[in-house]
Amino acid sequence: MPRVMSPLKDADAFHEALENWFLRARRPLPWREDYEPYHVWISEIMLQQTQMERGVSYYRKWMEKFPDIATLAAASEEAVLRAWEGLGYYSRARAVVRAAAILKERFHCRFPSDPEAIRSLPGVGPYTAAAIASIAFSHDIACVDANVERIVTRLFDIDEPLSGKTARRRVAELAGELLPPGRARTHNQAMMELGALVCGKAPRCGGCPVRGFCLAAERGTARERPVKKAPPETIRLTMTAGLILSSGRCLVLRRPPKGRWGGLWDFPGGVAEDGVPTGEACVASVRERTGLDTAVTAALPAINHTFTNHRVCLQGFLKKTETPPVPLTEEGTSWQWADLEGLGALAMPSACRRLVEENRLLLASAMPDSARLA
């Protein structure tokens, strides 16, 4: 008699154990209060590359500003980016803006239930479409995120790295076979919750409700599944930001809509090459981005910032000029002179925001005609 039951052959027992555990252990997440499609959509977009606690905090603030599709569709991209500030991966926010416009124009501010229509929305990939279709509308579609991948590779002790197409396809097929018809909402959430709370990167097999179905736990290979690929190399950068001040205002540039930090406002500057003093690098970068040639007045304390596999040291420099010059920026880049209150209202990368916040007293003294930072 086998010591481990099969989650496929003994499906009823597997689903009963998993779903009973979920009903006891599930977290009281705000979008689970009503499973309203708009709520599920925003939560899924926010939780991409975001820790749950942080995602919940942003979600609650978001719903205060944009409680429904109509309100979101009427909002400016600037307002949406400002609400998103700090979550990173700003292409997600810009995709939400485009999707809201489509939901207004094509669907009259109602979220579509058809999986293909959901998949057609900007920023909605296969996983997100499956999550919305199954959780909001109870379609029988399996959700396969990193949590589910861990569970499936351990349940079936898959010893191939998920970076390969064959293993990833096999995991998706098995996840689909595990899905009980008519119970997708509960099953998908239970699987993802199990991966988040129990079957994590360091599995807690002793507290797992489906331990008796897991080949990897039985064979002692659970910590080796999924098979890991080499982590990406850490990229370390020194960057500069020129805070050009004139008549109580500071020059800011808005990046083109595409690319990293697309649509956000930042200060002219760039990457400082190895061996080049940061002050000289800042002057050169400001000249390249704006055509302006201004001398450094003072250096600001450096800001250390991390995103994805990048480790950035951002060095800011004050540059004063008597008459506000007209910058010559690249195509697609807009600019403005903003006082401190205006800087507080703009959507910025987190490192630039910290540069302002951590030097507000110095900036206020250097910009005497400016209002206080909002």
Protein backbone atom coordinates (compact mmCIF):
# COMPACT_ATOMS: atom_id res chain seq x y z
CA MET A 1 0.00 0.00 0.00
CA PRO A 2 1.52 3.39 -1.00
CA ARG A 3 2.47 5.71 1.85
CA VAL A 4 1.51 8.81 -0.16
CA MET A 5 -1.93 9.31 -1.67
CA SER A 6 -2.27 10.73 -5.17
CA PRO A 7 -3.82 14.22 -5.38
CA LEU A 8 -5.32 13.14 -8.73
CA LYS A 9 -6.47 9.60 -7.98
CA ASP A 10 -7.57 10.52 -4.44
CA ALA A 11 -8.94 13.88 -5.59
CA ASP A 12 -11.93 14.04 -3.22
CA ALA A 13 -9.75 13.55 -0.17
CA PHE A 14 -7.18 16.05 -1.45
CA HIS A 15 -9.75 18.78 -2.13
CA GLU A 16 -11.51 18.23 1.18
CA ALA A 17 -8.24 18.56 3.12
CA LEU A 18 -7.15 21.64 1.17
CA GLU A 19 -10.46 23.50 1.24
CA ASN A 20 -11.21 22.76 4.90
CA TRP A 21 -7.80 24.18 5.78
CA PHE A 22 -8.45 27.27 3.65
CA LEU A 23 -11.77 27.99 5.32
CA ARG A 24 -9.97 27.94 8.69
CA ALA A 25 -6.74 29.69 7.78
CA ARG A 26 -7.55 32.20 5.02
CA ARG A 27 -6.54 35.78 5.62
CA PRO A 28 -9.30 38.44 5.77
CA LEU A 29 -8.16 40.27 2.63
CA PRO A 30 -10.37 43.25 1.66
CA TRP A 31 -11.14 42.07 -1.89
CA ARG A 32 -12.48 38.81 -0.44
CA GLU A 33 -15.33 40.69 1.22
CA ASP A 34 -17.42 40.73 -1.96
CA TYR A 35 -15.28 39.41 -4.87
CA GLU A 36 -16.40 42.41 -6.91
CA PRO A 37 -14.55 42.12 -10.27
CA TYR A 38 -13.07 45.62 -10.10
CA HIS A 39 -11.69 44.86 -6.64
CA VAL A 40 -10.22 41.54 -7.75
CA TRP A 41 -8.64 43.15 -10.83
CA ILE A 42 -6.92 45.95 -8.91
CA SER A 43 -5.72 43.57 -6.19
CA GLU A 44 -4.19 41.20 -8.74
CA ILE A 45 -2.40 44.00 -10.59
CA MET A 46 -1.07 45.48 -7.33
CA LEU A 47 0.15 42.15 -5.98
CA GLN A 48 2.37 41.51 -8.99
CA GLN A 49 5.93 41.74 -7.59
CA THR A 50 4.53 43.16 -4.32
CA GLN A 51 4.40 41.72 -0.81
CA MET A 52 0.89 41.11 0.52
CA GLU A 53 1.00 43.52 3.47
CA ARG A 54 2.23 46.34 1.26
CA GLY A 55 -0.32 45.48 -1.42
CA VAL A 56 -3.21 45.58 1.07
CA SER A 57 -2.11 49.01 2.32
CA TYR A 58 -1.97 50.45 -1.20
CA TYR A 59 -5.24 48.74 -2.15
CA ARG A 60 -7.16 50.39 0.72
CA LYS A 61 -5.81 53.85 -0.14
CA TRP A 62 -6.52 53.24 -3.82
CA MET A 63 -10.16 52.36 -3.19
CA GLU A 64 -10.60 55.58 -1.23
CA LYS A 65 -9.42 57.56 -4.28
CA PHE A 66 -10.85 55.37 -7.05
CA PRO A 67 -13.78 53.37 -5.62
CA ASP A 68 -15.10 52.18 -8.98
CA ILE A 69 -14.27 51.94 -12.67
CA ALA A 70 -16.05 55.19 -13.54
CA THR A 71 -13.99 57.18 -11.03
CA LEU A 72 -10.78 55.57 -12.22
CA ALA A 73 -11.60 56.20 -15.88
CA ALA A 74 -12.21 59.89 -15.13
CA ALA A 75 -8.88 60.31 -13.30
CA SER A 76 -5.75 61.71 -14.94
CA GLU A 77 -2.71 59.54 -15.50
CA GLU A 78 -0.81 61.86 -13.16
CA ALA A 79 -3.29 61.16 -10.33
CA VAL A 80 -3.07 57.41 -10.91
CA LEU A 81 0.73 57.42 -10.99
CA ARG A 82 0.79 59.50 -7.79
CA ALA A 83 -1.44 56.94 -6.06
CA TRP A 84 0.83 54.15 -7.34
CA GLU A 85 4.04 55.87 -6.25
CA GLY A 86 6.26 53.55 -4.22
CA LEU A 87 4.82 50.31 -5.60
CA GLY A 88 7.28 50.26 -8.49
CA TYR A 89 6.87 48.65 -11.91
CA TYR A 90 4.97 51.74 -13.06
CA SER A 91 4.04 50.14 -16.37
CA ARG A 92 1.34 48.39 -14.32
CA ALA A 93 -0.24 51.72 -13.38
CA ARG A 94 -0.11 53.02 -16.94
CA ALA A 95 -1.75 49.79 -18.13
CA VAL A 96 -4.50 50.29 -15.54
CA VAL A 97 -5.15 53.76 -16.95
CA ARG A 98 -5.47 52.36 -20.48
CA ALA A 99 -7.64 49.47 -19.32
CA ALA A 100 -9.98 51.82 -17.44
CA ALA A 101 -10.51 53.82 -20.63
CA ILE A 102 -11.40 50.61 -22.49
CA LEU A 103 -13.74 49.49 -19.71
CA LYS A 104 -15.54 52.81 -20.00
CA GLU A 105 -15.72 52.95 -23.79
CA ARG A 106 -16.40 49.30 -24.65
CA PHE A 107 -18.03 47.92 -21.52
CA HIS A 108 -19.79 50.99 -20.05
CA CYS A 109 -17.78 50.79 -16.81
CA ARG A 110 -18.75 47.16 -16.19
CA PHE A 111 -16.03 44.54 -15.92
CA PRO A 112 -16.46 41.82 -18.58
CA SER A 113 -16.96 38.22 -17.45
CA ASP A 114 -15.72 36.62 -20.67
CA PRO A 115 -12.15 35.28 -20.15
CA GLU A 116 -11.05 36.40 -23.63
CA ALA A 117 -12.33 39.92 -23.03
CA ILE A 118 -10.53 40.01 -19.69
CA ARG A 119 -7.31 38.81 -21.33
CA SER A 120 -7.56 41.56 -23.95
CA LEU A 121 -7.22 44.34 -21.37
CA PRO A 122 -3.82 46.11 -21.15
CA GLY A 123 -1.61 44.72 -18.40
CA VAL A 124 -3.61 41.50 -18.03
CA GLY A 125 -1.52 38.41 -18.77
CA PRO A 126 -2.54 34.73 -18.64
CA TYR A 127 -2.25 34.41 -14.85
CA THR A 128 -4.08 37.65 -14.06
CA ALA A 129 -6.85 36.81 -16.52
CA ALA A 130 -7.24 33.36 -14.94
CA ALA A 131 -7.33 34.85 -11.44
CA ILE A 132 -10.02 37.41 -12.31
CA ALA A 133 -12.10 34.92 -14.34
CA SER A 134 -12.01 32.24 -11.63
CA ILE A 135 -12.14 34.33 -8.45
CA ALA A 136 -14.54 37.06 -9.58
CA PHE A 137 -16.68 35.00 -11.97
CA SER A 138 -16.07 31.36 -10.89
CA HIS A 139 -14.89 30.19 -14.32
CA ASP A 140 -13.18 26.78 -14.22
CA ILE A 141 -9.67 28.05 -14.99
CA ALA A 142 -6.61 27.14 -12.93
CA CYS A 143 -4.42 29.95 -11.59
CA VAL A 144 -0.71 29.23 -11.77
CA ASP A 145 1.45 31.73 -9.92
CA ALA A 146 4.74 31.17 -8.09
CA ASN A 147 2.87 29.80 -5.06
CA VAL A 148 1.02 27.21 -7.14
CA GLU A 149 4.19 26.29 -9.01
CA ARG A 150 5.92 25.48 -5.72
CA ILE A 151 3.03 23.30 -4.57
CA VAL A 152 2.72 21.37 -7.82
CA THR A 153 6.46 20.73 -8.16
CA ARG A 154 6.46 19.36 -4.61
CA LEU A 155 3.26 17.34 -4.84
CA PHE A 156 4.63 15.55 -7.92
CA ASP A 157 8.35 15.94 -7.09
CA ILE A 158 9.23 17.52 -10.43
CA ASP A 159 13.02 17.65 -10.70
CA GLU A 160 13.35 19.95 -13.73
CA PRO A 161 13.93 23.73 -13.41
CA LEU A 162 10.86 25.81 -14.19
CA SER A 163 12.98 27.98 -16.45
CA GLY A 164 12.47 25.23 -19.03
CA LYS A 165 9.32 25.26 -21.17
CA THR A 166 8.66 21.53 -20.72
CA ALA A 167 8.56 21.69 -16.91
CA ARG A 168 6.48 24.88 -16.87
CA ARG A 169 3.99 23.37 -19.31
CA ARG A 170 3.78 20.20 -17.20
CA VAL A 171 3.10 22.22 -14.04
CA ALA A 172 0.32 24.14 -15.81
CA GLU A 173 -1.24 20.88 -17.02
CA LEU A 174 -1.15 19.33 -13.54
CA ALA A 175 -2.61 22.49 -11.97
CA GLY A 176 -5.49 22.21 -14.45
CA GLU A 177 -6.01 18.54 -13.62
CA LEU A 178 -6.13 19.36 -9.90
CA LEU A 179 -8.94 21.91 -10.39
CA PRO A 180 -12.32 20.55 -9.20
CA PRO A 181 -15.15 21.61 -11.57
CA GLY A 182 -17.43 24.28 -10.15
CA ARG A 183 -15.11 25.17 -7.24
CA ALA A 184 -12.47 27.28 -8.94
CA ARG A 185 -12.88 30.33 -6.67
CA THR A 186 -12.20 28.38 -3.49
CA HIS A 187 -9.65 25.97 -4.96
CA ASN A 188 -7.46 28.60 -6.64
CA GLN A 189 -7.41 30.80 -3.56
CA ALA A 190 -6.71 27.80 -1.33
CA MET A 191 -3.73 26.76 -3.47
CA MET A 192 -2.28 30.27 -3.51
CA GLU A 193 -2.90 30.70 0.21
CA LEU A 194 -1.22 27.38 0.96
CA GLY A 195 1.82 28.48 -1.05
CA ALA A 196 1.94 31.81 0.76
CA LEU A 197 1.41 30.56 4.33
CA VAL A 198 2.72 26.97 4.44
CA CYS A 199 4.36 25.75 1.23
CA GLY A 200 6.67 28.73 0.94
CA LYS A 201 10.27 28.94 -0.20
CA ALA A 202 11.12 27.26 3.11
CA PRO A 203 8.27 24.71 3.33
CA ARG A 204 6.58 24.01 6.68
CA CYS A 205 5.70 20.42 5.88
CA GLY A 206 4.70 19.59 9.46
CA GLY A 207 1.76 21.99 9.27
CA CYS A 208 0.69 21.20 5.71
CA PRO A 209 -2.91 19.97 5.30
CA VAL A 210 -1.98 17.98 2.17
CA ARG A 211 1.28 16.53 3.49
CA GLY A 212 -0.05 13.01 2.87
CA PHE A 213 -0.31 13.72 -0.87
CA CYS A 214 3.18 15.17 -1.39
CA LEU A 215 5.88 13.07 -3.03
CA ALA A 216 8.62 15.61 -2.32
CA ALA A 217 7.79 15.66 1.40
CA GLU A 218 7.83 11.85 1.45
CA ARG A 219 11.17 11.70 -0.37
CA GLY A 220 12.79 14.53 1.59
CA THR A 221 13.22 16.76 -1.47
CA ALA A 222 10.68 19.49 -0.65
CA ARG A 223 13.37 22.12 0.01
CA GLU A 224 14.94 21.30 -3.36
CA ARG A 225 11.69 21.96 -5.27
CA PRO A 226 11.23 23.86 -7.46
CA VAL A 227 14.69 23.33 -8.92
CA LYS A 228 16.28 26.76 -8.75
CA LYS A 229 17.90 28.61 -11.59
CA ALA A 230 20.85 30.92 -11.03
CA PRO A 231 19.76 34.29 -9.57
CA PRO A 232 20.25 37.37 -11.76
CA GLU A 233 23.48 39.26 -11.26
CA THR A 234 23.23 42.27 -8.94
CA ILE A 235 23.73 45.52 -10.84
CA ARG A 236 25.22 48.36 -8.81
CA LEU A 237 24.85 51.89 -10.11
CA THR A 238 25.84 55.35 -8.96
CA MET A 239 23.35 57.88 -10.27
CA THR A 240 23.14 61.65 -10.02
CA ALA A 241 20.26 64.11 -9.84
CA GLY A 242 20.60 67.82 -10.47
CA LEU A 243 18.17 69.94 -8.47
CA ILE A 244 18.30 73.12 -10.52
CA LEU A 245 16.78 75.98 -8.53
CA SER A 246 15.62 79.33 -9.85
CA SER A 247 13.22 81.92 -8.42
CA GLY A 248 11.97 79.57 -5.71
CA ARG A 249 11.29 76.69 -8.09
CA CYS A 250 12.99 73.49 -9.17
CA LEU A 251 13.28 72.04 -12.67
CA VAL A 252 11.69 68.61 -13.16
CA LEU A 253 11.42 66.51 -16.30
CA ARG A 254 8.68 64.07 -17.18
CA ARG A 255 9.98 60.88 -18.72
CA PRO A 256 8.52 59.51 -21.98
CA PRO A 257 5.62 57.10 -21.43
CA LYS A 258 7.63 53.98 -22.30
CA GLY A 259 10.61 52.58 -20.45
CA ARG A 260 11.59 52.46 -16.78
CA TRP A 261 9.74 55.09 -14.73
CA GLY A 262 7.83 56.07 -17.85
CA GLY A 263 5.48 58.99 -17.25
CA LEU A 264 7.06 59.89 -13.89
CA TRP A 265 8.75 63.16 -13.01
CA ASP A 266 12.39 63.24 -11.98
CA PHE A 267 15.40 65.54 -11.86
CA PRO A 268 17.88 65.81 -14.74
CA GLY A 269 20.86 63.54 -14.19
CA GLY A 270 22.03 60.08 -15.05
CA VAL A 271 24.49 57.27 -14.36
CA ALA A 272 27.98 58.23 -13.17
CA GLU A 273 30.61 56.09 -14.86
CA ASP A 274 33.26 54.44 -12.71
CA GLY A 275 36.11 56.81 -11.89
CA VAL A 276 34.20 59.98 -12.78
CA PRO A 277 33.51 62.32 -9.83
CA THR A 278 29.77 62.46 -9.22
CA GLY A 279 29.67 66.25 -9.39
CA GLU A 280 31.26 66.25 -12.84
CA ALA A 281 28.98 63.40 -13.94
CA CYS A 282 25.92 65.34 -12.79
CA VAL A 283 26.94 68.48 -14.69
CA ALA A 284 27.51 66.42 -17.85
CA SER A 285 24.19 64.52 -17.49
CA VAL A 286 22.23 67.72 -16.90
CA ARG A 287 23.82 69.24 -20.00
CA GLU A 288 22.98 66.15 -22.04
CA ARG A 289 19.34 65.98 -20.91
CA THR A 290 18.51 69.69 -20.87
CA GLY A 291 21.20 71.64 -22.72
CA LEU A 292 21.78 73.66 -19.53
CA ASP A 293 25.26 74.35 -18.16
CA THR A 294 25.04 75.17 -14.45
CA ALA A 295 27.63 74.84 -11.69
CA VAL A 296 27.13 72.68 -8.60
CA THR A 297 26.29 74.73 -5.49
CA ALA A 298 26.11 71.94 -2.87
CA ALA A 299 26.01 68.15 -2.62
CA LEU A 300 23.11 66.41 -0.85
CA PRO A 301 23.41 63.24 1.25
CA ALA A 302 23.29 60.14 -0.95
CA ILE A 303 20.16 57.99 -1.15
CA ASN A 304 20.52 54.19 -1.33
CA HIS A 305 17.70 52.52 -3.23
CA THR A 306 16.92 48.98 -4.36
CA PHE A 307 14.66 47.79 -7.20
CA THR A 308 14.60 44.33 -8.82
CA ASN A 309 18.28 43.30 -9.01
CA HIS A 310 19.59 46.89 -9.02
CA ARG A 311 21.34 48.56 -6.09
CA VAL A 312 21.44 52.31 -6.68
CA CYS A 313 23.28 55.07 -4.86
CA LEU A 314 21.62 58.36 -5.87
CA GLN A 315 23.69 61.49 -5.29
CA GLY A 316 21.84 64.81 -5.52
CA PHE A 317 23.39 68.20 -6.24
CA LEU A 318 21.93 71.66 -5.87
CA LYS A 319 22.44 74.00 -8.83
CA LYS A 320 21.23 77.61 -8.67
CA THR A 321 20.58 79.91 -11.59
CA GLU A 322 19.23 83.46 -11.49
CA THR A 323 16.90 83.38 -14.50
CA PRO A 324 14.82 80.25 -15.22
CA PRO A 325 16.30 78.95 -18.49
CA VAL A 326 14.37 76.99 -21.09
CA PRO A 327 15.68 73.41 -21.17
CA LEU A 328 16.20 71.59 -24.46
CA THR A 329 14.84 68.12 -23.78
CA GLU A 330 14.62 65.00 -25.93
CA GLU A 331 11.44 64.25 -27.85
CA GLY A 332 8.68 62.88 -25.63
CA THR A 333 10.04 64.55 -22.48
CA SER A 334 8.13 67.46 -20.96
CA TRP A 335 9.32 69.78 -18.19
CA GLN A 336 8.18 72.35 -15.66
CA TRP A 337 9.45 74.56 -12.86
CA ALA A 338 7.77 73.42 -9.63
CA ASP A 339 7.78 74.84 -6.12
CA LEU A 340 7.98 72.53 -3.13
CA GLU A 341 4.23 72.10 -2.95
CA GLY A 342 4.21 71.26 -6.63
CA LEU A 343 6.96 68.67 -6.16
CA GLY A 344 4.88 67.02 -3.46
CA ALA A 345 1.97 66.59 -5.88
CA LEU A 346 3.97 65.05 -8.73
CA ALA A 347 4.41 61.31 -9.27
CA MET A 348 8.10 60.50 -8.88
CA PRO A 349 10.36 57.45 -8.57
CA SER A 350 10.79 56.55 -4.89
CA ALA A 351 14.47 57.55 -4.81
CA CYS A 352 13.70 61.04 -6.14
CA ARG A 353 10.84 61.41 -3.68
CA ARG A 354 13.19 60.49 -0.82
CA LEU A 355 15.74 63.01 -2.11
CA VAL A 356 13.12 65.73 -1.70
CA GLU A 357 11.66 64.49 1.58
CA GLU A 358 15.00 63.96 3.32
CA ASN A 359 16.27 67.40 2.29
CA ARG A 360 13.09 69.43 2.70
CA LEU A 361 14.60 71.88 5.20
CA LEU A 362 17.59 72.56 2.97
CA LEU A 363 15.36 72.96 -0.07
CA ALA A 364 12.96 75.24 1.79
CA SER A 365 15.83 77.53 2.75
CA ALA A 366 17.14 77.47 -0.82
CA MET A 367 13.67 78.15 -2.23
CA PRO A 368 12.42 80.95 0.07
CA ASP A 369 9.54 81.96 -2.20
CA SER A 370 8.21 78.41 -2.32
CA ALA A 371 5.27 77.05 -0.36
CA ARG A 372 5.88 74.32 2.21
CA LEU A 373 6.16 70.76 0.93
CA ALA A 374 2.71 69.16 0.81
